[in-house]
C-alpha atoms as a PDB file:
ATOM      1  CA  MET A   1      -0.328  -0.108  -0.238  1.00  0.00           C
ATOM      2  CA  ARG A   2       2.656   2.434   1.057  1.00  0.00           C
ATOM      3  CA  TYR A   3       4.466   2.162  -2.573  1.00  0.00           C
ATOM      4  CA  SER A   4       1.115   2.418  -4.179  1.00  0.00           C
ATOM      5  CA  LEU A   5       0.320   5.784  -2.230  1.00  0.00           C
ATOM      6  CA  VAL A   6       3.504   7.271  -3.218  1.00  0.00           C
ATOM      7  CA  LEU A   7       3.095   6.231  -6.545  1.00  0.00           C
ATOM      8  CA  MET A   8      -0.250   7.877  -6.761  1.00  0.00           C
ATOM      9  CA  ALA A   9       0.914  10.934  -4.378  1.00  0.00           C
ATOM     10  CA  VAL A  10       3.710  11.396  -7.373  1.00  0.00           C
ATOM     11  CA  LEU A  11       1.297  11.207 -10.053  1.00  0.00           C
ATOM     12  CA  ASP A  12      -1.195  13.811  -8.362  1.00  0.00           C
ATOM     13  CA  MET A  13       1.439  16.169  -7.883  1.00  0.00           C
ATOM     14  CA  VAL A  14       2.307  15.934 -11.303  1.00  0.00           C
ATOM     15  CA  PHE A  15      -1.156  16.868 -12.603  1.00  0.00           C
ATOM     16  CA  MET A  16      -1.659  19.410  -9.838  1.00  0.00           C
ATOM     17  CA  PHE A  17       1.751  21.358 -10.190  1.00  0.00           C
ATOM     18  CA  PHE A  18       2.839  20.745 -13.814  1.00  0.00           C
ATOM     19  CA  LEU A  19       0.144  19.262 -16.356  1.00  0.00           C
ATOM     20  CA  VAL A  20      -3.235  21.083 -15.167  1.00  0.00           C
ATOM     21  CA  PRO A  21      -1.541  24.449 -15.023  1.00  0.00           C
ATOM     22  CA  ALA A  22       0.491  24.324 -18.019  1.00  0.00           C
ATOM     23  CA  VAL A  23      -2.950  23.193 -19.979  1.00  0.00           C
ATOM     24  CA  TYR A  24      -5.374  25.446 -18.233  1.00  0.00           C
ATOM     25  CA  GLY A  25      -2.823  28.481 -18.650  1.00  0.00           C
ATOM     26  CA  GLN A  26      -3.102  28.481 -22.225  1.00  0.00           C
ATOM     27  CA  PHE A  27      -6.590  29.551 -22.723  1.00  0.00           C
ATOM     28  CA  MET A  28      -5.791  33.262 -23.655  1.00  0.00           C
ATOM     29  CA  ASN A  29      -7.800  34.767 -26.256  1.00  0.00           C
ATOM     30  CA  GLY A  30      -6.518  38.129 -27.777  1.00  0.00           C
ATOM     31  CA  GLY A  31      -4.165  38.527 -24.766  1.00  0.00           C
ATOM     32  CA  GLN A  32      -7.111  38.145 -21.970  1.00  0.00           C
ATOM     33  CA  LEU A  33      -6.596  34.562 -19.690  1.00  0.00           C
ATOM     34  CA  CYS A  34     -10.179  32.960 -20.042  1.00  0.00           C
ATOM     35  CA  LYS A  35     -11.346  31.012 -16.821  1.00  0.00           C
ATOM     36  CA  THR A  36     -12.769  27.708 -17.806  1.00  0.00           C
ATOM     37  CA  LEU A  37     -16.182  26.317 -16.180  1.00  0.00           C
ATOM     38  CA  ASP A  38     -14.700  23.629 -14.242  1.00  0.00           C
ATOM     39  CA  THR A  39     -12.216  25.748 -12.312  1.00  0.00           C
ATOM     40  CA  LEU A  40     -15.595  27.831 -10.819  1.00  0.00           C
ATOM     41  CA  PHE A  41     -17.303  26.467  -7.978  1.00  0.00           C
ATOM     42  CA  MET A  42     -20.504  27.344  -9.555  1.00  0.00           C
ATOM     43  CA  TYR A  43     -22.195  29.300 -12.725  1.00  0.00           C
ATOM     44  CA  THR A  44     -25.142  30.647 -14.060  1.00  0.00           C
ATOM     45  CA  PRO A  45     -26.331  29.980 -17.400  1.00  0.00           C
ATOM     46  CA  GLU A  46     -25.506  33.443 -18.406  1.00  0.00           C
ATOM     47  CA  GLU A  47     -21.831  33.173 -16.911  1.00  0.00           C
ATOM     48  CA  ALA A  48     -21.621  29.652 -18.521  1.00  0.00           C
ATOM     49  CA  ARG A  49     -22.363  31.517 -21.867  1.00  0.00           C
ATOM     50  CA  GLU A  50     -19.818  34.344 -21.203  1.00  0.00           C
ATOM     51  CA  THR A  51     -17.301  32.195 -20.113  1.00  0.00           C
ATOM     52  CA  LEU A  52     -17.558  29.810 -23.431  1.00  0.00           C
ATOM     53  CA  ALA A  53     -18.094  33.318 -25.499  1.00  0.00           C
ATOM     54  CA  CYS A  54     -14.641  34.577 -23.704  1.00  0.00           C
ATOM     55  CA  LEU A  55     -13.228  31.187 -24.923  1.00  0.00           C
ATOM     56  CA  GLY A  56     -14.654  31.651 -28.720  1.00  0.00           C
ATOM     57  CA  PRO A  57     -11.429  29.999 -31.194  1.00  0.00           C
ATOM     58  CA  LEU A  58     -10.361  27.919 -28.305  1.00  0.00           C
ATOM     59  CA  LEU A  59     -13.640  26.221 -27.458  1.00  0.00           C
ATOM     60  CA  GLY A  60     -11.931  22.972 -29.475  1.00  0.00           C
ATOM     61  CA  ARG A  61      -8.750  23.007 -27.524  1.00  0.00           C
ATOM     62  CA  TYR A  62     -10.893  22.989 -24.105  1.00  0.00           C
ATOM     63  CA  ARG A  63     -13.354  20.235 -25.793  1.00  0.00           C
ATOM     64  CA  LEU A  64     -10.085  18.108 -26.162  1.00  0.00           C
ATOM     65  CA  VAL A  65      -8.922  19.008 -22.348  1.00  0.00           C
ATOM     66  CA  GLU A  66     -12.483  18.167 -21.004  1.00  0.00           C
ATOM     67  CA  LEU A  67     -11.939  14.820 -22.975  1.00  0.00           C
ATOM     68  CA  SER A  68      -8.220  14.048 -22.246  1.00  0.00           C
ATOM     69  CA  LEU A  69      -6.946  15.420 -19.268  1.00  0.00           C
ATOM     70  CA  ASP A  70     -10.084  16.259 -17.095  1.00  0.00           C
ATOM     71  CA  LEU A  71     -11.112  12.616 -17.546  1.00  0.00           C
ATOM     72  CA  VAL A  72      -7.540  11.260 -16.233  1.00  0.00           C
ATOM     73  CA  TYR A  73      -6.977  13.496 -13.608  1.00  0.00           C
ATOM     74  CA  PRO A  74     -10.314  12.997 -11.361  1.00  0.00           C
ATOM     75  CA  VAL A  75      -9.511   9.335 -11.327  1.00  0.00           C
ATOM     76  CA  VAL A  76      -5.752  10.175 -10.044  1.00  0.00           C
ATOM     77  CA  TYR A  77      -6.599  12.377  -7.470  1.00  0.00           C
ATOM     78  CA  SER A  78      -9.653  10.619  -6.265  1.00  0.00           C
ATOM     79  CA  LEU A  79      -7.629   7.453  -6.076  1.00  0.00           C
ATOM     80  CA  PHE A  80      -4.790   9.518  -4.268  1.00  0.00           C
ATOM     81  CA  LEU A  81      -7.478  10.680  -1.496  1.00  0.00           C
ATOM     82  CA  SER A  82      -9.171   7.360  -1.150  1.00  0.00           C
ATOM     83  CA  MET A  83      -5.695   5.680  -0.142  1.00  0.00           C
ATOM     84  CA  VAL A  84      -5.193   8.555   2.102  1.00  0.00           C
ATOM     85  CA  LEU A  85      -8.330   8.522   3.759  1.00  0.00           C
ATOM     86  CA  THR A  86      -7.915   4.984   3.959  1.00  0.00           C
ATOM     87  CA  ALA A  87      -4.297   4.402   5.363  1.00  0.00           C
ATOM     88  CA  LEU A  88      -5.282   6.651   7.914  1.00  0.00           C
ATOM     89  CA  LEU A  89      -8.650   5.163   9.066  1.00  0.00           C
ATOM     90  CA  ARG A  90      -6.804   1.661   9.438  1.00  0.00           C
ATOM     91  CA  ASN A  91      -6.638   1.036  12.987  1.00  0.00           C
ATOM     92  CA  THR A  92      -8.361   3.852  14.174  1.00  0.00           C
ATOM     93  CA  PRO A  93      -9.710   3.029  17.431  1.00  0.00           C
ATOM     94  CA  LEU A  94     -13.113   5.485  16.806  1.00  0.00           C
ATOM     95  CA  ASP A  95     -16.055   3.709  16.931  1.00  0.00           C
ATOM     96  CA  GLN A  96     -18.005   5.627  14.371  1.00  0.00           C
ATOM     97  CA  LYS A  97     -19.992   3.420  11.684  1.00  0.00           C
ATOM     98  CA  LEU A  98     -19.964   6.670   8.899  1.00  0.00           C
ATOM     99  CA  LEU A  99     -15.598   6.649   8.976  1.00  0.00           C
ATOM    100  CA  ARG A 100     -15.774   3.915   7.146  1.00  0.00           C
ATOM    101  CA  TYR A 101     -17.725   5.762   4.088  1.00  0.00           C
ATOM    102  CA  LEU A 102     -15.209   8.714   4.105  1.00  0.00           C
ATOM    103  CA  PRO A 103     -12.916   7.215   1.711  1.00  0.00           C
ATOM    104  CA  LEU A 104     -15.873   7.123  -0.538  1.00  0.00           C
ATOM    105  CA  LEU A 105     -15.956  11.081  -0.640  1.00  0.00           C
ATOM    106  CA  PRO A 106     -13.131  11.107  -3.362  1.00  0.00           C
ATOM    107  CA  ILE A 107     -15.127   8.639  -5.548  1.00  0.00           C
ATOM    108  CA  LEU A 108     -18.031  10.763  -5.061  1.00  0.00           C
ATOM    109  CA  ALA A 109     -15.837  14.045  -6.394  1.00  0.00           C
ATOM    110  CA  CYS A 110     -14.751  11.684  -9.184  1.00  0.00           C
ATOM    111  CA  PHE A 111     -17.835  10.989 -10.367  1.00  0.00           C
ATOM    112  CA  SER A 112     -19.334  14.676 -10.068  1.00  0.00           C
ATOM    113  CA  ASP A 113     -16.224  15.879 -12.194  1.00  0.00           C
ATOM    114  CA  LEU A 114     -16.781  13.469 -14.555  1.00  0.00           C
ATOM    115  CA  LEU A 115     -20.537  14.235 -15.166  1.00  0.00           C
ATOM    116  CA  GLU A 116     -19.401  17.756 -14.819  1.00  0.00           C
ATOM    117  CA  ASN A 117     -17.098  17.123 -17.918  1.00  0.00           C
ATOM    118  CA  LEU A 118     -20.212  15.910 -19.924  1.00  0.00           C
ATOM    119  CA  GLY A 119     -22.302  18.637 -19.189  1.00  0.00           C
ATOM    120  CA  ILE A 120     -19.348  21.004 -20.304  1.00  0.00           C
ATOM    121  CA  VAL A 121     -18.519  18.889 -23.436  1.00  0.00           C
ATOM    122  CA  THR A 122     -22.208  19.362 -24.111  1.00  0.00           C
ATOM    123  CA  MET A 123     -22.834  23.068 -23.705  1.00  0.00           C
ATOM    124  CA  ILE A 124     -19.319  23.232 -25.972  1.00  0.00           C
ATOM    125  CA  SER A 125     -21.123  21.133 -28.528  1.00  0.00           C
ATOM    126  CA  LEU A 126     -24.447  23.339 -28.545  1.00  0.00           C
ATOM    127  CA  TYR A 127     -22.589  26.599 -28.003  1.00  0.00           C
ATOM    128  CA  PRO A 128     -24.180  29.041 -28.457  1.00  0.00           C
ATOM    129  CA  GLU A 129     -27.313  27.717 -27.701  1.00  0.00           C
ATOM    130  CA  ILE A 130     -26.760  26.685 -23.777  1.00  0.00           C
ATOM    131  CA  PRO A 131     -29.758  24.722 -22.576  1.00  0.00           C
ATOM    132  CA  ARG A 132     -30.508  26.512 -18.748  1.00  0.00           C
ATOM    133  CA  PRO A 133     -31.292  22.976 -17.579  1.00  0.00           C
ATOM    134  CA  LEU A 134     -28.118  21.987 -18.740  1.00  0.00           C
ATOM    135  CA  ALA A 135     -25.795  24.938 -17.914  1.00  0.00           C
ATOM    136  CA  ALA A 136     -27.329  24.264 -14.497  1.00  0.00           C
ATOM    137  CA  ALA A 137     -26.879  20.777 -13.976  1.00  0.00           C
ATOM    138  CA  ALA A 138     -23.196  21.407 -14.799  1.00  0.00           C
ATOM    139  CA  SER A 139     -22.813  23.955 -12.499  1.00  0.00           C
ATOM    140  CA  LEU A 140     -24.472  21.706  -9.776  1.00  0.00           C
ATOM    141  CA  CYS A 141     -21.713  19.009 -10.704  1.00  0.00           C
ATOM    142  CA  THR A 142     -19.016  21.631 -10.422  1.00  0.00           C
ATOM    143  CA  SER A 143     -19.960  22.413  -7.226  1.00  0.00           C
ATOM    144  CA  MET A 144     -20.465  19.035  -5.713  1.00  0.00           C
ATOM    145  CA  LYS A 145     -17.242  18.012  -7.176  1.00  0.00           C
ATOM    146  CA  TRP A 146     -15.555  20.617  -5.054  1.00  0.00           C
ATOM    147  CA  ILE A 147     -17.457  19.885  -1.911  1.00  0.00           C
ATOM    148  CA  PHE A 148     -16.519  16.265  -1.936  1.00  0.00           C
ATOM    149  CA  VAL A 149     -12.794  17.395  -2.707  1.00  0.00           C
ATOM    150  CA  GLY A 150     -12.849  19.791   0.174  1.00  0.00           C
ATOM    151  CA  LEU A 151     -14.139  17.344   2.638  1.00  0.00           C
ATOM    152  CA  SER A 152     -11.844  14.522   1.497  1.00  0.00           C
ATOM    153  CA  VAL A 153      -8.843  17.278   1.886  1.00  0.00           C
ATOM    154  CA  ALA A 154     -10.288  18.394   5.350  1.00  0.00           C
ATOM    155  CA  SER A 155     -11.202  15.054   6.518  1.00  0.00           C
ATOM    156  CA  SER A 156      -7.411  13.860   5.418  1.00  0.00           C
ATOM    157  CA  ILE A 157      -6.154  16.700   7.368  1.00  0.00           C
ATOM    158  CA  ILE A 158      -8.308  16.050  10.090  1.00  0.00           C
ATOM    159  CA  PHE A 159      -7.172  12.445  10.676  1.00  0.00           C
ATOM    160  CA  SER A 160      -3.730  13.160  10.285  1.00  0.00           C
ATOM    161  CA  VAL A 161      -3.601  15.554  13.016  1.00  0.00           C
ATOM    162  CA  TYR A 162      -5.446  13.371  14.673  1.00  0.00           C
ATOM    163  CA  LYS A 163      -3.307  10.209  14.510  1.00  0.00           C
ATOM    164  CA  LEU A 164      -0.060  12.648  15.546  1.00  0.00           C
ATOM    165  CA  VAL A 165      -1.936  13.584  18.756  1.00  0.00           C
ATOM    166  CA  ILE A 166      -2.500   9.788  19.363  1.00  0.00           C
ATOM    167  CA  LYS A 167       0.787   8.729  18.091  1.00  0.00           C
ATOM    168  CA  ARG A 168       2.580  11.430  20.719  1.00  0.00           C
ATOM    169  CA  LYS A 169       0.223  10.734  23.678  1.00  0.00           C
ATOM    170  CA  PRO A 170       1.965   8.544  26.244  1.00  0.00           C
ATOM    171  CA  GLN A 171       0.144   5.376  26.455  1.00  0.00           C
ATOM    172  CA  LEU A 172      -0.825   4.572  30.325  1.00  0.00           C
END
């Protein structure tokens, strides 16, 4: 488990610090850096249309990113966070039945991310006509992704601190 956790940590860092910033930093249209829908927490249908309008001639590249890099990265970060939570919760004397479900939070983030990608690719395909329900559903998936990622990271930090405190506490 340790080697696979280290491998996933390295892969996650490569994506987080190199691949994602390099790819998403290329969305410049006429000297203006355009934000992308999946980096927002939530958006209205009007904001989705404005964001896609900013991207304009870059929509094909954005679609390609959503269908390649953004299909792989959710799997990488969700596996890494699930493995971290599983390792942290192993041998934890906490008798809370809900704790055993914490490693599923990153999987829910991945599922939300993939649904978000489907919504974004569909909006790009239909642009400039973006159905309001589609934009609302994609925005909801985006928000759910960030909520599940946030809960996963917060849980990892909390249980890391918990493990450090328990290990340093003298046993009587």
